[in-house]
Structures are given as structure tokens and as C-alpha cells.
Amino acid sequence: MKRRPHLIPALIAALMLVGALERWPYGYYQLLRLVVCGVGVFVAYMAYNWKKLWVTWVFGFVALLFNPLVPIHLSREIWQPIDLICAISFTVVAFVLKEPMKERKEGQ
């Protein structure tokens, strides 16, 4: 857990995205935007610090797509595959991305 501080937030975002495939009141989708955007920014930040730039770009885009301040309005038929792809992405990054081991200095 120490090397993967994004594990639980990423899995929560993934579960919420899968849940979005069902019909919910509009408030759920507003909360979804807030959670997915926030977790996307967090994962992108962690990836940037760990010099995993491709992850930074992918989750920066996810955060932009789900941002609650300037929402992107798409039909349900378009959002469903996006939600599924993003859920898979959050699940994969939860288990694949981890903090690199610190390099040992000579003599230690």
C-alpha cells in the first residue's frame, strides 16, 4: 500500500464507472464526475512524480473528460463505452503503477 497510494481511490473510481452503466438519478453522474476527475488528477500527479509520463497523459485526459466545472455533454450511448474503458484503465493502473524503488548509493 505504501508504494501504491492510488490503489483504493482508483478502485473506487473504477467501481463507480461500472455502476454508471446502470440508470441512476442525475446526482450520481455529478458525483461520478467529481470523483473520477479528482482521482484522475491524483493518479496523473503520482505518475508524473514517478516519471511515468504516458500514465500522466492518459489520466490527465480522463480528468479533463470528466471535469465537473466545464462538463462535456455526450449521449448515454457514447458515455457507456467511455465509462467502461476508463473503469478498465483505473483497474489496470491500480495494480500496475507503483512507486519505483529508491536506488541504493554505493557503499550502502
N, C-alpha and C. Protein backbone atom coordinates (compact mmCIF):
# COMPACT_ATOMS: atom_id res chain seq x y z
N MET A 1 0.82 -1.19 0.00
CA MET A 1 0.00 0.00 0.00
C MET A 1 0.87 1.26 0.00
N LYS A 2 2.02 1.15 0.62
CA LYS A 2 2.90 2.31 0.70
C LYS A 2 3.41 2.74 -0.68
N ARG A 3 3.64 1.76 -1.55
CA ARG A 3 4.13 2.08 -2.89
C ARG A 3 3.00 2.33 -3.88
N ARG A 4 1.75 2.16 -3.44
CA ARG A 4 0.58 2.37 -4.31
C ARG A 4 -0.49 3.18 -3.58
N PRO A 5 -0.23 4.45 -3.31
CA PRO A 5 -1.22 5.25 -2.59
C PRO A 5 -2.49 5.50 -3.40
N HIS A 6 -2.44 5.23 -4.68
CA HIS A 6 -3.58 5.45 -5.57
C HIS A 6 -4.48 4.22 -5.68
N LEU A 7 -4.11 3.11 -5.04
CA LEU A 7 -4.83 1.84 -5.21
C LEU A 7 -6.31 1.96 -4.86
N ILE A 8 -6.64 2.37 -3.66
CA ILE A 8 -8.04 2.42 -3.22
C ILE A 8 -8.82 3.49 -3.98
N PRO A 9 -8.29 4.72 -4.14
CA PRO A 9 -9.07 5.70 -4.93
C PRO A 9 -9.32 5.24 -6.37
N ALA A 10 -8.33 4.60 -6.99
CA ALA A 10 -8.52 4.13 -8.37
C ALA A 10 -9.58 3.04 -8.45
N LEU A 11 -9.60 2.14 -7.47
CA LEU A 11 -10.61 1.08 -7.48
C LEU A 11 -12.01 1.64 -7.20
N ILE A 12 -12.10 2.65 -6.34
CA ILE A 12 -13.40 3.30 -6.10
C ILE A 12 -13.91 3.95 -7.37
N ALA A 13 -13.02 4.67 -8.08
CA ALA A 13 -13.41 5.31 -9.34
C ALA A 13 -13.85 4.25 -10.35
N ALA A 14 -13.13 3.13 -10.42
CA ALA A 14 -13.48 2.06 -11.36
C ALA A 14 -14.86 1.49 -11.04
N LEU A 15 -15.13 1.25 -9.76
CA LEU A 15 -16.44 0.72 -9.37
C LEU A 15 -17.56 1.70 -9.68
N MET A 16 -17.32 2.97 -9.43
CA MET A 16 -18.34 3.97 -9.75
C MET A 16 -18.59 4.06 -11.26
N LEU A 17 -17.53 3.92 -12.05
CA LEU A 17 -17.69 3.95 -13.50
C LEU A 17 -18.48 2.75 -14.00
N VAL A 18 -18.24 1.59 -13.43
CA VAL A 18 -19.02 0.41 -13.80
C VAL A 18 -20.47 0.61 -13.38
N GLY A 19 -20.67 1.18 -12.19
CA GLY A 19 -22.02 1.47 -11.72
C GLY A 19 -22.76 2.44 -12.62
N ALA A 20 -22.02 3.30 -13.29
CA ALA A 20 -22.65 4.29 -14.17
C ALA A 20 -23.29 3.66 -15.40
N LEU A 21 -23.03 2.38 -15.65
CA LEU A 21 -23.66 1.71 -16.78
C LEU A 21 -25.15 1.47 -16.54
N GLU A 22 -25.57 1.52 -15.28
CA GLU A 22 -26.99 1.41 -14.93
C GLU A 22 -27.62 2.80 -14.93
N ARG A 23 -28.92 2.83 -14.78
CA ARG A 23 -29.63 4.13 -14.71
C ARG A 23 -29.65 4.61 -13.27
N TRP A 24 -29.23 5.85 -13.07
CA TRP A 24 -29.20 6.48 -11.76
C TRP A 24 -29.78 7.88 -11.87
N PRO A 25 -30.14 8.50 -10.75
CA PRO A 25 -30.51 9.91 -10.80
C PRO A 25 -29.31 10.75 -11.25
N TYR A 26 -29.59 11.92 -11.75
CA TYR A 26 -28.53 12.77 -12.30
C TYR A 26 -27.45 13.10 -11.27
N GLY A 27 -27.82 13.15 -10.00
CA GLY A 27 -26.86 13.44 -8.94
C GLY A 27 -25.71 12.44 -8.89
N TYR A 28 -25.98 11.18 -9.22
CA TYR A 28 -24.92 10.17 -9.24
C TYR A 28 -23.87 10.53 -10.28
N TYR A 29 -24.30 10.98 -11.43
CA TYR A 29 -23.36 11.31 -12.50
C TYR A 29 -22.57 12.57 -12.17
N GLN A 30 -23.17 13.48 -11.42
CA GLN A 30 -22.42 14.65 -10.96
C GLN A 30 -21.33 14.22 -9.97
N LEU A 31 -21.69 13.33 -9.03
CA LEU A 31 -20.71 12.80 -8.09
C LEU A 31 -19.64 12.01 -8.83
N LEU A 32 -20.05 11.25 -9.83
CA LEU A 32 -19.10 10.47 -10.63
C LEU A 32 -18.07 11.38 -11.27
N ARG A 33 -18.51 12.47 -11.85
CA ARG A 33 -17.58 13.42 -12.47
C ARG A 33 -16.57 13.94 -11.46
N LEU A 34 -17.05 14.29 -10.29
CA LEU A 34 -16.18 14.83 -9.25
C LEU A 34 -15.15 13.79 -8.81
N VAL A 35 -15.60 12.57 -8.55
CA VAL A 35 -14.70 11.51 -8.08
C VAL A 35 -13.70 11.13 -9.17
N VAL A 36 -14.18 10.88 -10.38
CA VAL A 36 -13.29 10.43 -11.46
C VAL A 36 -12.28 11.52 -11.82
N CYS A 37 -12.72 12.75 -11.86
CA CYS A 37 -11.80 13.86 -12.15
C CYS A 37 -10.74 13.96 -11.06
N GLY A 38 -11.16 13.92 -9.81
CA GLY A 38 -10.21 14.02 -8.70
C GLY A 38 -9.21 12.88 -8.67
N VAL A 39 -9.70 11.67 -8.84
CA VAL A 39 -8.80 10.51 -8.83
C VAL A 39 -7.90 10.54 -10.07
N GLY A 40 -8.43 10.97 -11.20
CA GLY A 40 -7.62 11.09 -12.41
C GLY A 40 -6.46 12.07 -12.22
N VAL A 41 -6.75 13.19 -11.59
CA VAL A 41 -5.69 14.18 -11.30
C VAL A 41 -4.67 13.57 -10.34
N PHE A 42 -5.15 12.87 -9.31
CA PHE A 42 -4.25 12.26 -8.33
C PHE A 42 -3.34 11.22 -8.99
N VAL A 43 -3.91 10.35 -9.81
CA VAL A 43 -3.11 9.32 -10.50
C VAL A 43 -2.11 9.99 -11.45
N ALA A 44 -2.55 11.00 -12.17
CA ALA A 44 -1.65 11.71 -13.09
C ALA A 44 -0.50 12.36 -12.32
N TYR A 45 -0.80 12.94 -11.17
CA TYR A 45 0.23 13.58 -10.35
C TYR A 45 1.24 12.55 -9.84
N MET A 46 0.74 11.42 -9.33
CA MET A 46 1.64 10.37 -8.84
C MET A 46 2.51 9.84 -9.99
N ALA A 47 1.90 9.63 -11.14
CA ALA A 47 2.64 9.12 -12.30
C ALA A 47 3.71 10.12 -12.74
N TYR A 48 3.38 11.40 -12.70
CA TYR A 48 4.35 12.43 -13.07
C TYR A 48 5.54 12.41 -12.12
N ASN A 49 5.26 12.30 -10.82
CA ASN A 49 6.35 12.24 -9.84
C ASN A 49 7.22 11.00 -10.02
N TRP A 50 6.63 9.92 -10.49
CA TRP A 50 7.36 8.67 -10.70
C TRP A 50 7.89 8.54 -12.12
N LYS A 51 7.77 9.63 -12.89
CA LYS A 51 8.31 9.71 -14.25
C LYS A 51 7.69 8.67 -15.20
N LYS A 52 6.39 8.44 -15.05
CA LYS A 52 5.62 7.59 -15.96
C LYS A 52 4.73 8.50 -16.79
N LEU A 53 5.33 9.15 -17.77
CA LEU A 53 4.64 10.22 -18.49
C LEU A 53 3.43 9.75 -19.29
N TRP A 54 3.45 8.54 -19.81
CA TRP A 54 2.29 8.07 -20.57
C TRP A 54 1.07 7.96 -19.66
N VAL A 55 1.26 7.55 -18.41
CA VAL A 55 0.15 7.47 -17.46
C VAL A 55 -0.33 8.88 -17.12
N THR A 56 0.60 9.80 -17.00
CA THR A 56 0.24 11.20 -16.73
C THR A 56 -0.67 11.74 -17.81
N TRP A 57 -0.33 11.50 -19.06
CA TRP A 57 -1.14 11.99 -20.17
C TRP A 57 -2.51 11.32 -20.22
N VAL A 58 -2.55 10.01 -20.04
CA VAL A 58 -3.82 9.28 -20.11
C VAL A 58 -4.77 9.77 -19.02
N PHE A 59 -4.31 9.84 -17.78
CA PHE A 59 -5.20 10.21 -16.69
C PHE A 59 -5.43 11.71 -16.60
N GLY A 60 -4.53 12.49 -17.17
CA GLY A 60 -4.82 13.92 -17.33
C GLY A 60 -5.98 14.11 -18.29
N PHE A 61 -6.00 13.33 -19.36
CA PHE A 61 -7.11 13.38 -20.31
C PHE A 61 -8.41 12.90 -19.67
N VAL A 62 -8.34 11.82 -18.89
CA VAL A 62 -9.53 11.31 -18.19
C VAL A 62 -10.08 12.39 -17.25
N ALA A 63 -9.19 13.05 -16.51
CA ALA A 63 -9.62 14.12 -15.60
C ALA A 63 -10.28 15.25 -16.37
N LEU A 64 -9.73 15.60 -17.51
CA LEU A 64 -10.31 16.66 -18.34
C LEU A 64 -11.68 16.23 -18.89
N LEU A 65 -11.80 15.00 -19.30
CA LEU A 65 -13.05 14.49 -19.85
C LEU A 65 -14.17 14.48 -18.81
N PHE A 66 -13.83 14.18 -17.57
CA PHE A 66 -14.83 14.07 -16.50
C PHE A 66 -14.89 15.32 -15.62
N ASN A 67 -14.23 16.40 -16.01
CA ASN A 67 -14.19 17.57 -15.13
C ASN A 67 -15.59 18.11 -14.86
N PRO A 68 -15.87 18.44 -13.59
CA PRO A 68 -17.21 18.91 -13.24
C PRO A 68 -17.43 20.40 -13.48
N LEU A 69 -16.38 21.15 -13.73
CA LEU A 69 -16.53 22.60 -13.91
C LEU A 69 -17.04 22.97 -15.29
N VAL A 70 -16.50 22.32 -16.30
CA VAL A 70 -16.95 22.53 -17.68
C VAL A 70 -17.30 21.15 -18.24
N PRO A 71 -18.49 20.65 -17.90
CA PRO A 71 -18.83 19.28 -18.28
C PRO A 71 -18.98 19.11 -19.79
N ILE A 72 -18.57 17.95 -20.24
CA ILE A 72 -18.73 17.57 -21.64
C ILE A 72 -20.02 16.76 -21.72
N HIS A 73 -20.95 17.21 -22.49
CA HIS A 73 -22.26 16.56 -22.60
C HIS A 73 -22.28 15.64 -23.82
N LEU A 74 -22.39 14.35 -23.55
CA LEU A 74 -22.49 13.35 -24.60
C LEU A 74 -23.71 12.48 -24.33
N SER A 75 -24.15 11.75 -25.31
CA SER A 75 -25.31 10.87 -25.11
C SER A 75 -24.91 9.67 -24.26
N ARG A 76 -25.91 9.02 -23.71
CA ARG A 76 -25.68 7.83 -22.88
C ARG A 76 -24.97 6.73 -23.67
N GLU A 77 -25.31 6.59 -24.95
CA GLU A 77 -24.70 5.57 -25.79
C GLU A 77 -23.21 5.82 -25.99
N ILE A 78 -22.80 7.06 -25.96
CA ILE A 78 -21.38 7.40 -26.11
C ILE A 78 -20.67 7.26 -24.76
N TRP A 79 -21.32 7.68 -23.67
CA TRP A 79 -20.70 7.63 -22.35
C TRP A 79 -20.45 6.20 -21.88
N GLN A 80 -21.33 5.26 -22.20
CA GLN A 80 -21.19 3.90 -21.68
C GLN A 80 -19.86 3.23 -22.06
N PRO A 81 -19.44 3.25 -23.33
CA PRO A 81 -18.13 2.66 -23.63
C PRO A 81 -16.98 3.45 -23.02
N ILE A 82 -17.13 4.77 -22.93
CA ILE A 82 -16.09 5.60 -22.30
C ILE A 82 -15.95 5.21 -20.84
N ASP A 83 -17.10 5.07 -20.15
CA ASP A 83 -17.08 4.67 -18.74
C ASP A 83 -16.41 3.31 -18.56
N LEU A 84 -16.72 2.37 -19.44
CA LEU A 84 -16.14 1.04 -19.34
C LEU A 84 -14.63 1.06 -19.59
N ILE A 85 -14.19 1.78 -20.60
CA ILE A 85 -12.76 1.90 -20.90
C ILE A 85 -12.02 2.56 -19.74
N CYS A 86 -12.62 3.60 -19.17
CA CYS A 86 -11.98 4.30 -18.05
C CYS A 86 -11.96 3.41 -16.81
N ALA A 87 -13.01 2.62 -16.58
CA ALA A 87 -13.03 1.69 -15.44
C ALA A 87 -11.91 0.67 -15.57
N ILE A 88 -11.73 0.14 -16.76
CA ILE A 88 -10.64 -0.82 -17.00
C ILE A 88 -9.29 -0.14 -16.80
N SER A 89 -9.16 1.09 -17.27
CA SER A 89 -7.90 1.83 -17.13
C SER A 89 -7.56 2.06 -15.66
N PHE A 90 -8.56 2.47 -14.87
CA PHE A 90 -8.31 2.69 -13.43
C PHE A 90 -7.94 1.37 -12.74
N THR A 91 -8.59 0.29 -13.12
CA THR A 91 -8.28 -1.01 -12.51
C THR A 91 -6.86 -1.44 -12.84
N VAL A 92 -6.49 -1.30 -14.09
CA VAL A 92 -5.14 -1.69 -14.51
C VAL A 92 -4.09 -0.83 -13.81
N VAL A 93 -4.29 0.46 -13.80
CA VAL A 93 -3.28 1.34 -13.21
C VAL A 93 -3.20 1.14 -11.70
N ALA A 94 -4.29 0.72 -11.07
CA ALA A 94 -4.28 0.47 -9.63
C ALA A 94 -3.27 -0.61 -9.27
N PHE A 95 -3.13 -1.61 -10.14
CA PHE A 95 -2.25 -2.73 -9.83
C PHE A 95 -0.90 -2.65 -10.54
N VAL A 96 -0.81 -1.93 -11.64
CA VAL A 96 0.44 -1.89 -12.41
C VAL A 96 1.35 -0.75 -11.96
N LEU A 97 0.78 0.42 -11.71
CA LEU A 97 1.59 1.58 -11.35
C LEU A 97 1.99 1.50 -9.88
N LYS A 98 3.28 1.62 -9.63
CA LYS A 98 3.76 1.68 -8.26
C LYS A 98 5.01 2.53 -8.20
N GLU A 99 5.27 3.02 -7.01
CA GLU A 99 6.44 3.88 -6.82
C GLU A 99 7.70 3.09 -7.11
N PRO A 100 8.61 3.67 -7.89
CA PRO A 100 9.86 2.96 -8.18
C PRO A 100 10.68 2.80 -6.89
N MET A 101 11.44 1.74 -6.86
CA MET A 101 12.33 1.52 -5.71
C MET A 101 13.41 2.59 -5.73
N LYS A 102 13.77 3.04 -4.57
CA LYS A 102 14.84 4.03 -4.46
C LYS A 102 16.16 3.34 -4.77
N GLU A 103 16.98 4.03 -5.55
CA GLU A 103 18.28 3.46 -5.90
C GLU A 103 19.20 3.55 -4.70
N ARG A 104 19.94 2.50 -4.47
CA ARG A 104 20.92 2.50 -3.39
C ARG A 104 22.18 3.19 -3.84
N LYS A 105 22.76 3.93 -2.93
CA LYS A 105 24.04 4.57 -3.24
C LYS A 105 25.14 3.56 -2.97
N GLU A 106 26.24 3.73 -3.67
CA GLU A 106 27.36 2.81 -3.48
C GLU A 106 27.85 2.88 -2.04
N GLY A 107 28.19 1.73 -1.51
CA GLY A 107 28.71 1.67 -0.14
C GLY A 107 27.62 1.43 0.90
N GLN A 108 26.37 1.30 0.46
CA GLN A 108 25.27 1.04 1.44
C GLN A 108 24.80 -0.37 1.35
